[in-house]
Amino acid sequence: MIEIRNLHKSFGKQQVLKGVNLSIQEGEVTAIIGRSGGGKSVLLKHIIGLLKPDRGSILIKGEDITKLKGQRLDEIRADIGVVFQGGALFDSMTVYENVAFPLREKTKLGKKEIHDRVIQALGDVGLEEMQNKYPAELSGGMRKRVALARALIGKPKIILFDEPTTGLDPILVRSIHKLIRDTQRLYGFTGLIISHEIPEIFEISDRVALLHDGRIIEVGTPEEIQKSDNIVVKNFIIGIESGG
């Protein structure tokens, strides 16, 4: 579904991505882990097309988005949902209006069909009764659920999650992780999660990749990553951040 090849990105003299290679399989949930400031969110922004690499390519369903712009790039983006770290909800809109927003802006669907899809998406994340509330009236966990419902509303083939459980307590972390896995099975999307939640992220991922010093240094199933002989992987999992 997504193929990242030899991706490089620098900001001034700071090299952030130094040749990232990663394949993300269709219908799987892949987690990218790594230390804070290590380039995980920069990588995510390349996959959405918000940043252009210095060199390298990103193929989505076989098409290199780094060479696209305009209408064709918009068409590919329409198949990608994003759950941002803070939720990125509009404070002046109700929960219903936040979830309906992508359909109102990007489709020609009628009012009834939009309503039916919003109610379904809110039901799928357990928030149907909160449709008339405003984001400020919701808990942090509920705001994450609204952000997920908004990402699901367009039925995208791919959903990217940028640190979706930041700021939540351990019980809510597991609750949001379970919701991601449950909705992935329900909708069948390909999921990519940027995360620092160790070991919780292993419970919902099909594959895990460790980004270290600007490169993916290891990819495998959660079991393979946890049994890795690589000292950097071992140290990261037990909470010792390696330099670089």
C-alpha atoms as a PDB file:
ATOM      1  CA  MET A   1       0.000   0.000   0.000  1.00  0.00           C
ATOM      2  CA  ILE A   2       2.840   2.404   0.930  1.00  0.00           C
ATOM      3  CA  GLU A   3       6.463   2.031  -0.158  1.00  0.00           C
ATOM      4  CA  ILE A   4       9.062   4.474   1.210  1.00  0.00           C
ATOM      5  CA  ARG A   5      12.378   4.365  -0.631  1.00  0.00           C
ATOM      6  CA  ASN A   6      15.640   5.998   0.424  1.00  0.00           C
ATOM      7  CA  LEU A   7      13.897   9.081   1.838  1.00  0.00           C
ATOM      8  CA  HIS A   8      16.149  11.988   2.846  1.00  0.00           C
ATOM      9  CA  LYS A   9      15.159  15.284   4.459  1.00  0.00           C
ATOM     10  CA  SER A  10      17.238  18.042   6.028  1.00  0.00           C
ATOM     11  CA  PHE A  11      16.266  21.352   7.586  1.00  0.00           C
ATOM     12  CA  GLY A  12      19.262  23.621   7.116  1.00  0.00           C
ATOM     13  CA  LYS A  13      22.260  21.673   8.372  1.00  0.00           C
ATOM     14  CA  GLN A  14      20.160  19.267  10.421  1.00  0.00           C
ATOM     15  CA  GLN A  15      19.663  15.904   8.752  1.00  0.00           C
ATOM     16  CA  VAL A  16      16.390  14.416  10.000  1.00  0.00           C
ATOM     17  CA  LEU A  17      15.741  11.567   7.568  1.00  0.00           C
ATOM     18  CA  LYS A  18      18.867   9.834   6.274  1.00  0.00           C
ATOM     19  CA  GLY A  19      17.576   7.189   3.896  1.00  0.00           C
ATOM     20  CA  VAL A  20      14.334   5.774   5.254  1.00  0.00           C
ATOM     21  CA  ASN A  21      13.123   2.531   3.667  1.00  0.00           C
ATOM     22  CA  LEU A  22       9.846   0.940   4.708  1.00  0.00           C
ATOM     23  CA  SER A  23       7.044  -1.115   3.159  1.00  0.00           C
ATOM     24  CA  ILE A  24       3.575  -0.889   4.674  1.00  0.00           C
ATOM     25  CA  GLN A  25       1.313  -3.755   3.701  1.00  0.00           C
ATOM     26  CA  GLU A  26      -2.323  -3.320   2.734  1.00  0.00           C
ATOM     27  CA  GLY A  27      -4.800  -4.059   5.521  1.00  0.00           C
ATOM     28  CA  GLU A  28      -2.180  -4.095   8.273  1.00  0.00           C
ATOM     29  CA  VAL A  29      -1.490  -1.814  11.221  1.00  0.00           C
ATOM     30  CA  THR A  30       2.148  -0.736  11.241  1.00  0.00           C
ATOM     31  CA  ALA A  31       3.650   1.212  14.147  1.00  0.00           C
ATOM     32  CA  ILE A  32       6.709   3.433  13.811  1.00  0.00           C
ATOM     33  CA  ILE A  33       8.442   3.888  17.145  1.00  0.00           C
ATOM     34  CA  GLY A  34      11.506   5.915  18.073  1.00  0.00           C
ATOM     35  CA  ARG A  35      12.744   8.613  20.393  1.00  0.00           C
ATOM     36  CA  SER A  36      11.157  12.053  20.577  1.00  0.00           C
ATOM     37  CA  GLY A  37      12.519  14.433  17.950  1.00  0.00           C
ATOM     38  CA  GLY A  38      13.771  11.514  15.887  1.00  0.00           C
ATOM     39  CA  GLY A  39      11.836  12.356  12.720  1.00  0.00           C
ATOM     40  CA  LYS A  40       8.656  10.272  13.092  1.00  0.00           C
ATOM     41  CA  SER A  41       6.260  13.179  12.527  1.00  0.00           C
ATOM     42  CA  VAL A  42       8.438  14.532   9.707  1.00  0.00           C
ATOM     43  CA  LEU A  43       8.122  11.145   8.011  1.00  0.00           C
ATOM     44  CA  LEU A  44       4.341  11.246   8.465  1.00  0.00           C
ATOM     45  CA  LYS A  45       4.147  14.693   6.840  1.00  0.00           C
ATOM     46  CA  HIS A  46       5.960  13.324   3.796  1.00  0.00           C
ATOM     47  CA  ILE A  47       3.419  10.509   3.458  1.00  0.00           C
ATOM     48  CA  ILE A  48       0.554  13.033   3.483  1.00  0.00           C
ATOM     49  CA  GLY A  49       2.405  15.177   0.949  1.00  0.00           C
ATOM     50  CA  LEU A  50       2.823  18.168   3.289  1.00  0.00           C
ATOM     51  CA  LEU A  51       6.604  17.975   2.917  1.00  0.00           C
ATOM     52  CA  LYS A  52       8.736  17.174  -0.109  1.00  0.00           C
ATOM     53  CA  PRO A  53      11.886  15.088   0.416  1.00  0.00           C
ATOM     54  CA  ASP A  54      15.362  16.214  -0.611  1.00  0.00           C
ATOM     55  CA  ARG A  55      15.574  12.889  -2.374  1.00  0.00           C
ATOM     56  CA  GLY A  56      13.879   9.515  -2.362  1.00  0.00           C
ATOM     57  CA  SER A  57      10.319   8.480  -3.146  1.00  0.00           C
ATOM     58  CA  ILE A  58       7.020   7.527  -1.523  1.00  0.00           C
ATOM     59  CA  LEU A  59       4.778   5.219  -3.521  1.00  0.00           C
ATOM     60  CA  ILE A  60       1.124   4.951  -2.563  1.00  0.00           C
ATOM     61  CA  LYS A  61      -0.567   2.135  -4.459  1.00  0.00           C
ATOM     62  CA  GLY A  62       2.360   2.260  -6.893  1.00  0.00           C
ATOM     63  CA  GLU A  63       2.287   6.012  -7.577  1.00  0.00           C
ATOM     64  CA  ASP A  64       5.143   8.273  -6.441  1.00  0.00           C
ATOM     65  CA  ILE A  65       3.441  11.147  -4.611  1.00  0.00           C
ATOM     66  CA  THR A  66       6.679  13.126  -4.308  1.00  0.00           C
ATOM     67  CA  LYS A  67       6.379  13.900  -8.031  1.00  0.00           C
ATOM     68  CA  LEU A  68       2.700  14.876  -7.904  1.00  0.00           C
ATOM     69  CA  LYS A  69       0.908  18.153  -7.316  1.00  0.00           C
ATOM     70  CA  GLY A  70      -2.480  19.675  -7.948  1.00  0.00           C
ATOM     71  CA  GLN A  71      -5.532  17.568  -8.658  1.00  0.00           C
ATOM     72  CA  ARG A  72      -3.820  14.155  -8.789  1.00  0.00           C
ATOM     73  CA  LEU A  73      -2.160  14.699  -5.391  1.00  0.00           C
ATOM     74  CA  ASP A  74      -5.527  15.797  -3.970  1.00  0.00           C
ATOM     75  CA  GLU A  75      -7.146  12.628  -5.329  1.00  0.00           C
ATOM     76  CA  ILE A  76      -4.604  10.426  -3.549  1.00  0.00           C
ATOM     77  CA  ARG A  77      -4.888  12.473  -0.361  1.00  0.00           C
ATOM     78  CA  ALA A  78      -8.657  11.931  -0.425  1.00  0.00           C
ATOM     79  CA  ASP A  79      -7.925   8.255   0.269  1.00  0.00           C
ATOM     80  CA  ILE A  80      -5.871   9.125   3.370  1.00  0.00           C
ATOM     81  CA  GLY A  81      -7.359   9.979   6.755  1.00  0.00           C
ATOM     82  CA  VAL A  82      -5.271  11.558   9.495  1.00  0.00           C
ATOM     83  CA  VAL A  83      -5.711  11.582  13.266  1.00  0.00           C
ATOM     84  CA  PHE A  84      -3.470  14.378  14.513  1.00  0.00           C
ATOM     85  CA  GLN A  85      -1.760  14.386  17.898  1.00  0.00           C
ATOM     86  CA  GLY A  86      -4.032  16.979  19.494  1.00  0.00           C
ATOM     87  CA  GLY A  87      -7.117  15.934  17.544  1.00  0.00           C
ATOM     88  CA  ALA A  88      -7.146  19.223  15.551  1.00  0.00           C
ATOM     89  CA  LEU A  89     -10.868  19.718  16.168  1.00  0.00           C
ATOM     90  CA  PHE A  90     -12.601  23.024  15.463  1.00  0.00           C
ATOM     91  CA  ASP A  91     -13.560  24.528  18.831  1.00  0.00           C
ATOM     92  CA  SER A  92     -16.409  26.580  17.347  1.00  0.00           C
ATOM     93  CA  MET A  93     -18.093  23.506  15.853  1.00  0.00           C
ATOM     94  CA  THR A  94     -20.104  20.785  17.578  1.00  0.00           C
ATOM     95  CA  VAL A  95     -18.943  17.181  17.511  1.00  0.00           C
ATOM     96  CA  TYR A  96     -21.442  16.516  14.704  1.00  0.00           C
ATOM     97  CA  GLU A  97     -20.177  19.485  12.658  1.00  0.00           C
ATOM     98  CA  ASN A  98     -16.534  18.467  13.167  1.00  0.00           C
ATOM     99  CA  VAL A  99     -17.179  14.959  11.877  1.00  0.00           C
ATOM    100  CA  ALA A 100     -19.370  16.173   9.001  1.00  0.00           C
ATOM    101  CA  PHE A 101     -16.825  18.795   7.916  1.00  0.00           C
ATOM    102  CA  PRO A 102     -14.806  16.649   5.426  1.00  0.00           C
ATOM    103  CA  LEU A 103     -17.977  15.488   3.666  1.00  0.00           C
ATOM    104  CA  ARG A 104     -19.413  18.998   3.458  1.00  0.00           C
ATOM    105  CA  GLU A 105     -16.153  20.426   2.136  1.00  0.00           C
ATOM    106  CA  LYS A 106     -15.026  17.713  -0.259  1.00  0.00           C
ATOM    107  CA  THR A 107     -18.127  15.877  -1.485  1.00  0.00           C
ATOM    108  CA  LYS A 108     -21.492  16.630  -3.044  1.00  0.00           C
ATOM    109  CA  LEU A 109     -23.397  14.289  -0.755  1.00  0.00           C
ATOM    110  CA  GLY A 110     -26.891  15.296   0.318  1.00  0.00           C
ATOM    111  CA  LYS A 111     -27.798  16.373   3.833  1.00  0.00           C
ATOM    112  CA  LYS A 112     -29.438  13.044   4.752  1.00  0.00           C
ATOM    113  CA  GLU A 113     -26.527  10.899   3.557  1.00  0.00           C
ATOM    114  CA  ILE A 114     -24.056  13.110   5.431  1.00  0.00           C
ATOM    115  CA  HIS A 115     -26.217  12.815   8.548  1.00  0.00           C
ATOM    116  CA  ASP A 116     -26.432   9.024   8.264  1.00  0.00           C
ATOM    117  CA  ARG A 117     -22.661   8.665   7.818  1.00  0.00           C
ATOM    118  CA  VAL A 118     -21.856  11.013  10.705  1.00  0.00           C
ATOM    119  CA  ILE A 119     -24.177   9.120  13.042  1.00  0.00           C
ATOM    120  CA  GLN A 120     -22.668   5.805  11.928  1.00  0.00           C
ATOM    121  CA  ALA A 121     -19.086   7.031  12.460  1.00  0.00           C
ATOM    122  CA  LEU A 122     -19.938   8.464  15.885  1.00  0.00           C
ATOM    123  CA  GLY A 123     -21.666   5.199  16.779  1.00  0.00           C
ATOM    124  CA  ASP A 124     -18.592   3.232  15.716  1.00  0.00           C
ATOM    125  CA  VAL A 125     -16.445   5.209  18.187  1.00  0.00           C
ATOM    126  CA  GLY A 126     -19.081   5.160  20.945  1.00  0.00           C
ATOM    127  CA  LEU A 127     -19.999   8.853  20.851  1.00  0.00           C
ATOM    128  CA  GLU A 128     -23.379   9.032  19.121  1.00  0.00           C
ATOM    129  CA  GLU A 129     -24.938  10.747  22.139  1.00  0.00           C
ATOM    130  CA  MET A 130     -22.245  13.473  22.156  1.00  0.00           C
ATOM    131  CA  GLN A 131     -23.050  14.893  18.712  1.00  0.00           C
ATOM    132  CA  ASN A 132     -24.289  18.273  20.026  1.00  0.00           C
ATOM    133  CA  LYS A 133     -21.415  18.843  22.447  1.00  0.00           C
ATOM    134  CA  TYR A 134     -18.459  21.122  21.709  1.00  0.00           C
ATOM    135  CA  PRO A 135     -14.844  19.904  21.948  1.00  0.00           C
ATOM    136  CA  ALA A 136     -14.247  21.962  25.105  1.00  0.00           C
ATOM    137  CA  GLU A 137     -16.997  19.952  26.829  1.00  0.00           C
ATOM    138  CA  LEU A 138     -15.282  16.618  26.118  1.00  0.00           C
ATOM    139  CA  SER A 139     -12.563  14.701  27.921  1.00  0.00           C
ATOM    140  CA  GLY A 140      -9.204  14.147  26.212  1.00  0.00           C
ATOM    141  CA  GLY A 141     -10.152  10.569  25.372  1.00  0.00           C
ATOM    142  CA  MET A 142     -13.450  11.651  23.833  1.00  0.00           C
ATOM    143  CA  ARG A 143     -11.709  14.257  21.663  1.00  0.00           C
ATOM    144  CA  LYS A 144      -9.445  11.509  20.321  1.00  0.00           C
ATOM    145  CA  ARG A 145     -12.546   9.471  19.473  1.00  0.00           C
ATOM    146  CA  VAL A 146     -14.101  12.407  17.611  1.00  0.00           C
ATOM    147  CA  ALA A 147     -10.876  12.855  15.640  1.00  0.00           C
ATOM    148  CA  LEU A 148     -10.986   9.169  14.705  1.00  0.00           C
ATOM    149  CA  ALA A 149     -14.642   9.431  13.642  1.00  0.00           C
ATOM    150  CA  ARG A 150     -13.747  12.389  11.421  1.00  0.00           C
ATOM    151  CA  ALA A 151     -10.911  10.389   9.848  1.00  0.00           C
ATOM    152  CA  LEU A 152     -13.249   7.431   9.245  1.00  0.00           C
ATOM    153  CA  ILE A 153     -16.075   9.471   7.705  1.00  0.00           C
ATOM    154  CA  GLY A 154     -14.616   9.482   4.195  1.00  0.00           C
ATOM    155  CA  LYS A 155     -13.931   5.730   4.366  1.00  0.00           C
ATOM    156  CA  PRO A 156     -10.252   6.189   3.443  1.00  0.00           C
ATOM    157  CA  LYS A 157      -8.024   3.304   2.399  1.00  0.00           C
ATOM    158  CA  ILE A 158      -5.235   4.575   4.690  1.00  0.00           C
ATOM    159  CA  ILE A 159      -5.374   6.238   8.120  1.00  0.00           C
ATOM    160  CA  LEU A 160      -2.292   7.828   9.669  1.00  0.00           C
ATOM    161  CA  PHE A 161      -2.164   8.309  13.437  1.00  0.00           C
ATOM    162  CA  ASP A 162       0.287  10.882  14.830  1.00  0.00           C
ATOM    163  CA  GLU A 163       0.874   9.984  18.500  1.00  0.00           C
ATOM    164  CA  PRO A 164      -2.871   9.310  18.994  1.00  0.00           C
ATOM    165  CA  THR A 165      -2.627   8.660  22.739  1.00  0.00           C
ATOM    166  CA  THR A 166      -0.415  11.576  23.817  1.00  0.00           C
ATOM    167  CA  GLY A 167      -1.517  13.033  27.135  1.00  0.00           C
ATOM    168  CA  LEU A 168      -3.804  10.152  28.100  1.00  0.00           C
ATOM    169  CA  ASP A 169      -3.532   8.005  31.209  1.00  0.00           C
ATOM    170  CA  PRO A 170      -2.633   4.294  30.779  1.00  0.00           C
ATOM    171  CA  ILE A 171      -6.255   3.079  30.928  1.00  0.00           C
ATOM    172  CA  LEU A 172      -7.318   5.519  28.206  1.00  0.00           C
ATOM    173  CA  VAL A 173      -4.250   4.610  26.138  1.00  0.00           C
ATOM    174  CA  ARG A 174      -5.415   0.991  26.028  1.00  0.00           C
ATOM    175  CA  SER A 175      -8.987   2.114  25.298  1.00  0.00           C
ATOM    176  CA  ILE A 176      -7.932   4.221  22.286  1.00  0.00           C
ATOM    177  CA  HIS A 177      -5.601   1.471  21.053  1.00  0.00           C
ATOM    178  CA  LYS A 178      -8.444  -1.045  21.224  1.00  0.00           C
ATOM    179  CA  LEU A 179     -10.714   1.377  19.365  1.00  0.00           C
ATOM    180  CA  ILE A 180      -8.107   1.777  16.592  1.00  0.00           C
ATOM    181  CA  ARG A 181      -7.841  -1.984  16.224  1.00  0.00           C
ATOM    182  CA  ASP A 182     -11.611  -2.511  16.334  1.00  0.00           C
ATOM    183  CA  THR A 183     -12.350   0.175  13.727  1.00  0.00           C
ATOM    184  CA  GLN A 184      -9.511  -1.108  11.537  1.00  0.00           C
ATOM    185  CA  ARG A 185     -11.155  -4.527  11.463  1.00  0.00           C
ATOM    186  CA  LEU A 186     -14.549  -2.928  10.814  1.00  0.00           C
ATOM    187  CA  TYR A 187     -13.445  -0.557   8.028  1.00  0.00           C
ATOM    188  CA  GLY A 188     -10.459  -2.500   6.679  1.00  0.00           C
ATOM    189  CA  PHE A 189      -8.131   0.486   6.362  1.00  0.00           C
ATOM    190  CA  THR A 190      -4.338   0.275   6.296  1.00  0.00           C
ATOM    191  CA  GLY A 191      -3.100   1.905   9.493  1.00  0.00           C
ATOM    192  CA  LEU A 192       0.183   3.656  10.252  1.00  0.00           C
ATOM    193  CA  ILE A 193       0.707   4.739  13.854  1.00  0.00           C
ATOM    194  CA  ILE A 194       3.483   7.030  15.060  1.00  0.00           C
ATOM    195  CA  SER A 195       3.867   6.141  18.712  1.00  0.00           C
ATOM    196  CA  HIS A 196       6.053   6.187  21.797  1.00  0.00           C
ATOM    197  CA  GLU A 197       3.753   3.932  23.835  1.00  0.00           C
ATOM    198  CA  ILE A 198       5.952   0.983  24.764  1.00  0.00           C
ATOM    199  CA  PRO A 199       4.926  -1.806  25.281  1.00  0.00           C
ATOM    200  CA  GLU A 200       1.214  -1.016  24.716  1.00  0.00           C
ATOM    201  CA  ILE A 201       1.633  -0.386  20.981  1.00  0.00           C
ATOM    202  CA  PHE A 202       2.774  -3.993  20.485  1.00  0.00           C
ATOM    203  CA  GLU A 203      -0.714  -5.228  21.401  1.00  0.00           C
ATOM    204  CA  ILE A 204      -2.427  -3.690  18.341  1.00  0.00           C
ATOM    205  CA  SER A 205       0.270  -3.682  15.650  1.00  0.00           C
ATOM    206  CA  ASP A 206       0.852  -6.258  12.943  1.00  0.00           C
ATOM    207  CA  ARG A 207       4.352  -4.907  12.378  1.00  0.00           C
ATOM    208  CA  VAL A 208       6.631  -2.469  14.180  1.00  0.00           C
ATOM    209  CA  ALA A 209       9.473  -0.370  12.741  1.00  0.00           C
ATOM    210  CA  LEU A 210      12.091   1.455  14.809  1.00  0.00           C
ATOM    211  CA  LEU A 211      13.258   4.808  13.435  1.00  0.00           C
ATOM    212  CA  HIS A 212      16.695   5.643  14.821  1.00  0.00           C
ATOM    213  CA  ASP A 213      19.214   8.248  13.694  1.00  0.00           C
ATOM    214  CA  GLY A 214      17.214   9.028  10.553  1.00  0.00           C
ATOM    215  CA  ARG A 215      16.821   5.421   9.386  1.00  0.00           C
ATOM    216  CA  ILE A 216      14.563   2.447   9.971  1.00  0.00           C
ATOM    217  CA  ILE A 217      16.963   0.067  11.688  1.00  0.00           C
ATOM    218  CA  GLU A 218      14.604  -2.831  12.367  1.00  0.00           C
ATOM    219  CA  VAL A 219      11.167  -4.012  11.183  1.00  0.00           C
ATOM    220  CA  GLY A 220       9.252  -7.040  12.354  1.00  0.00           C
ATOM    221  CA  THR A 221       6.250  -8.401  14.178  1.00  0.00           C
ATOM    222  CA  PRO A 222       5.862  -7.186  17.772  1.00  0.00           C
ATOM    223  CA  GLU A 223       7.264 -10.518  18.929  1.00  0.00           C
ATOM    224  CA  GLU A 224      10.311 -10.214  16.655  1.00  0.00           C
ATOM    225  CA  ILE A 225      11.013  -6.648  17.788  1.00  0.00           C
ATOM    226  CA  GLN A 226      10.750  -7.597  21.449  1.00  0.00           C
ATOM    227  CA  LYS A 227      13.174 -10.503  20.922  1.00  0.00           C
ATOM    228  CA  SER A 228      15.614  -8.493  18.784  1.00  0.00           C
ATOM    229  CA  ASP A 229      19.349  -8.831  19.427  1.00  0.00           C
ATOM    230  CA  ASN A 230      19.959  -5.259  18.212  1.00  0.00           C
ATOM    231  CA  ILE A 231      21.242  -3.319  21.227  1.00  0.00           C
ATOM    232  CA  VAL A 232      19.548  -0.086  20.087  1.00  0.00           C
ATOM    233  CA  VAL A 233      16.185  -1.860  19.846  1.00  0.00           C
ATOM    234  CA  LYS A 234      16.697  -3.535  23.221  1.00  0.00           C
ATOM    235  CA  ASN A 235      17.634  -0.260  24.923  1.00  0.00           C
ATOM    236  CA  PHE A 236      14.678   1.586  23.401  1.00  0.00           C
ATOM    237  CA  ILE A 237      12.189  -1.039  24.570  1.00  0.00           C
ATOM    238  CA  ILE A 238      13.476  -0.994  28.157  1.00  0.00           C
ATOM    239  CA  GLY A 239      13.544   2.797  28.182  1.00  0.00           C
ATOM    240  CA  ILE A 240      17.201   3.633  27.564  1.00  0.00           C
ATOM    241  CA  GLU A 241      17.400   6.069  24.665  1.00  0.00           C
ATOM    242  CA  SER A 242      20.530   5.525  22.592  1.00  0.00           C
ATOM    243  CA  GLY A 243      22.408   8.522  21.268  1.00  0.00           C
ATOM    244  CA  GLY A 244      22.366   9.641  17.657  1.00  0.00           C
END
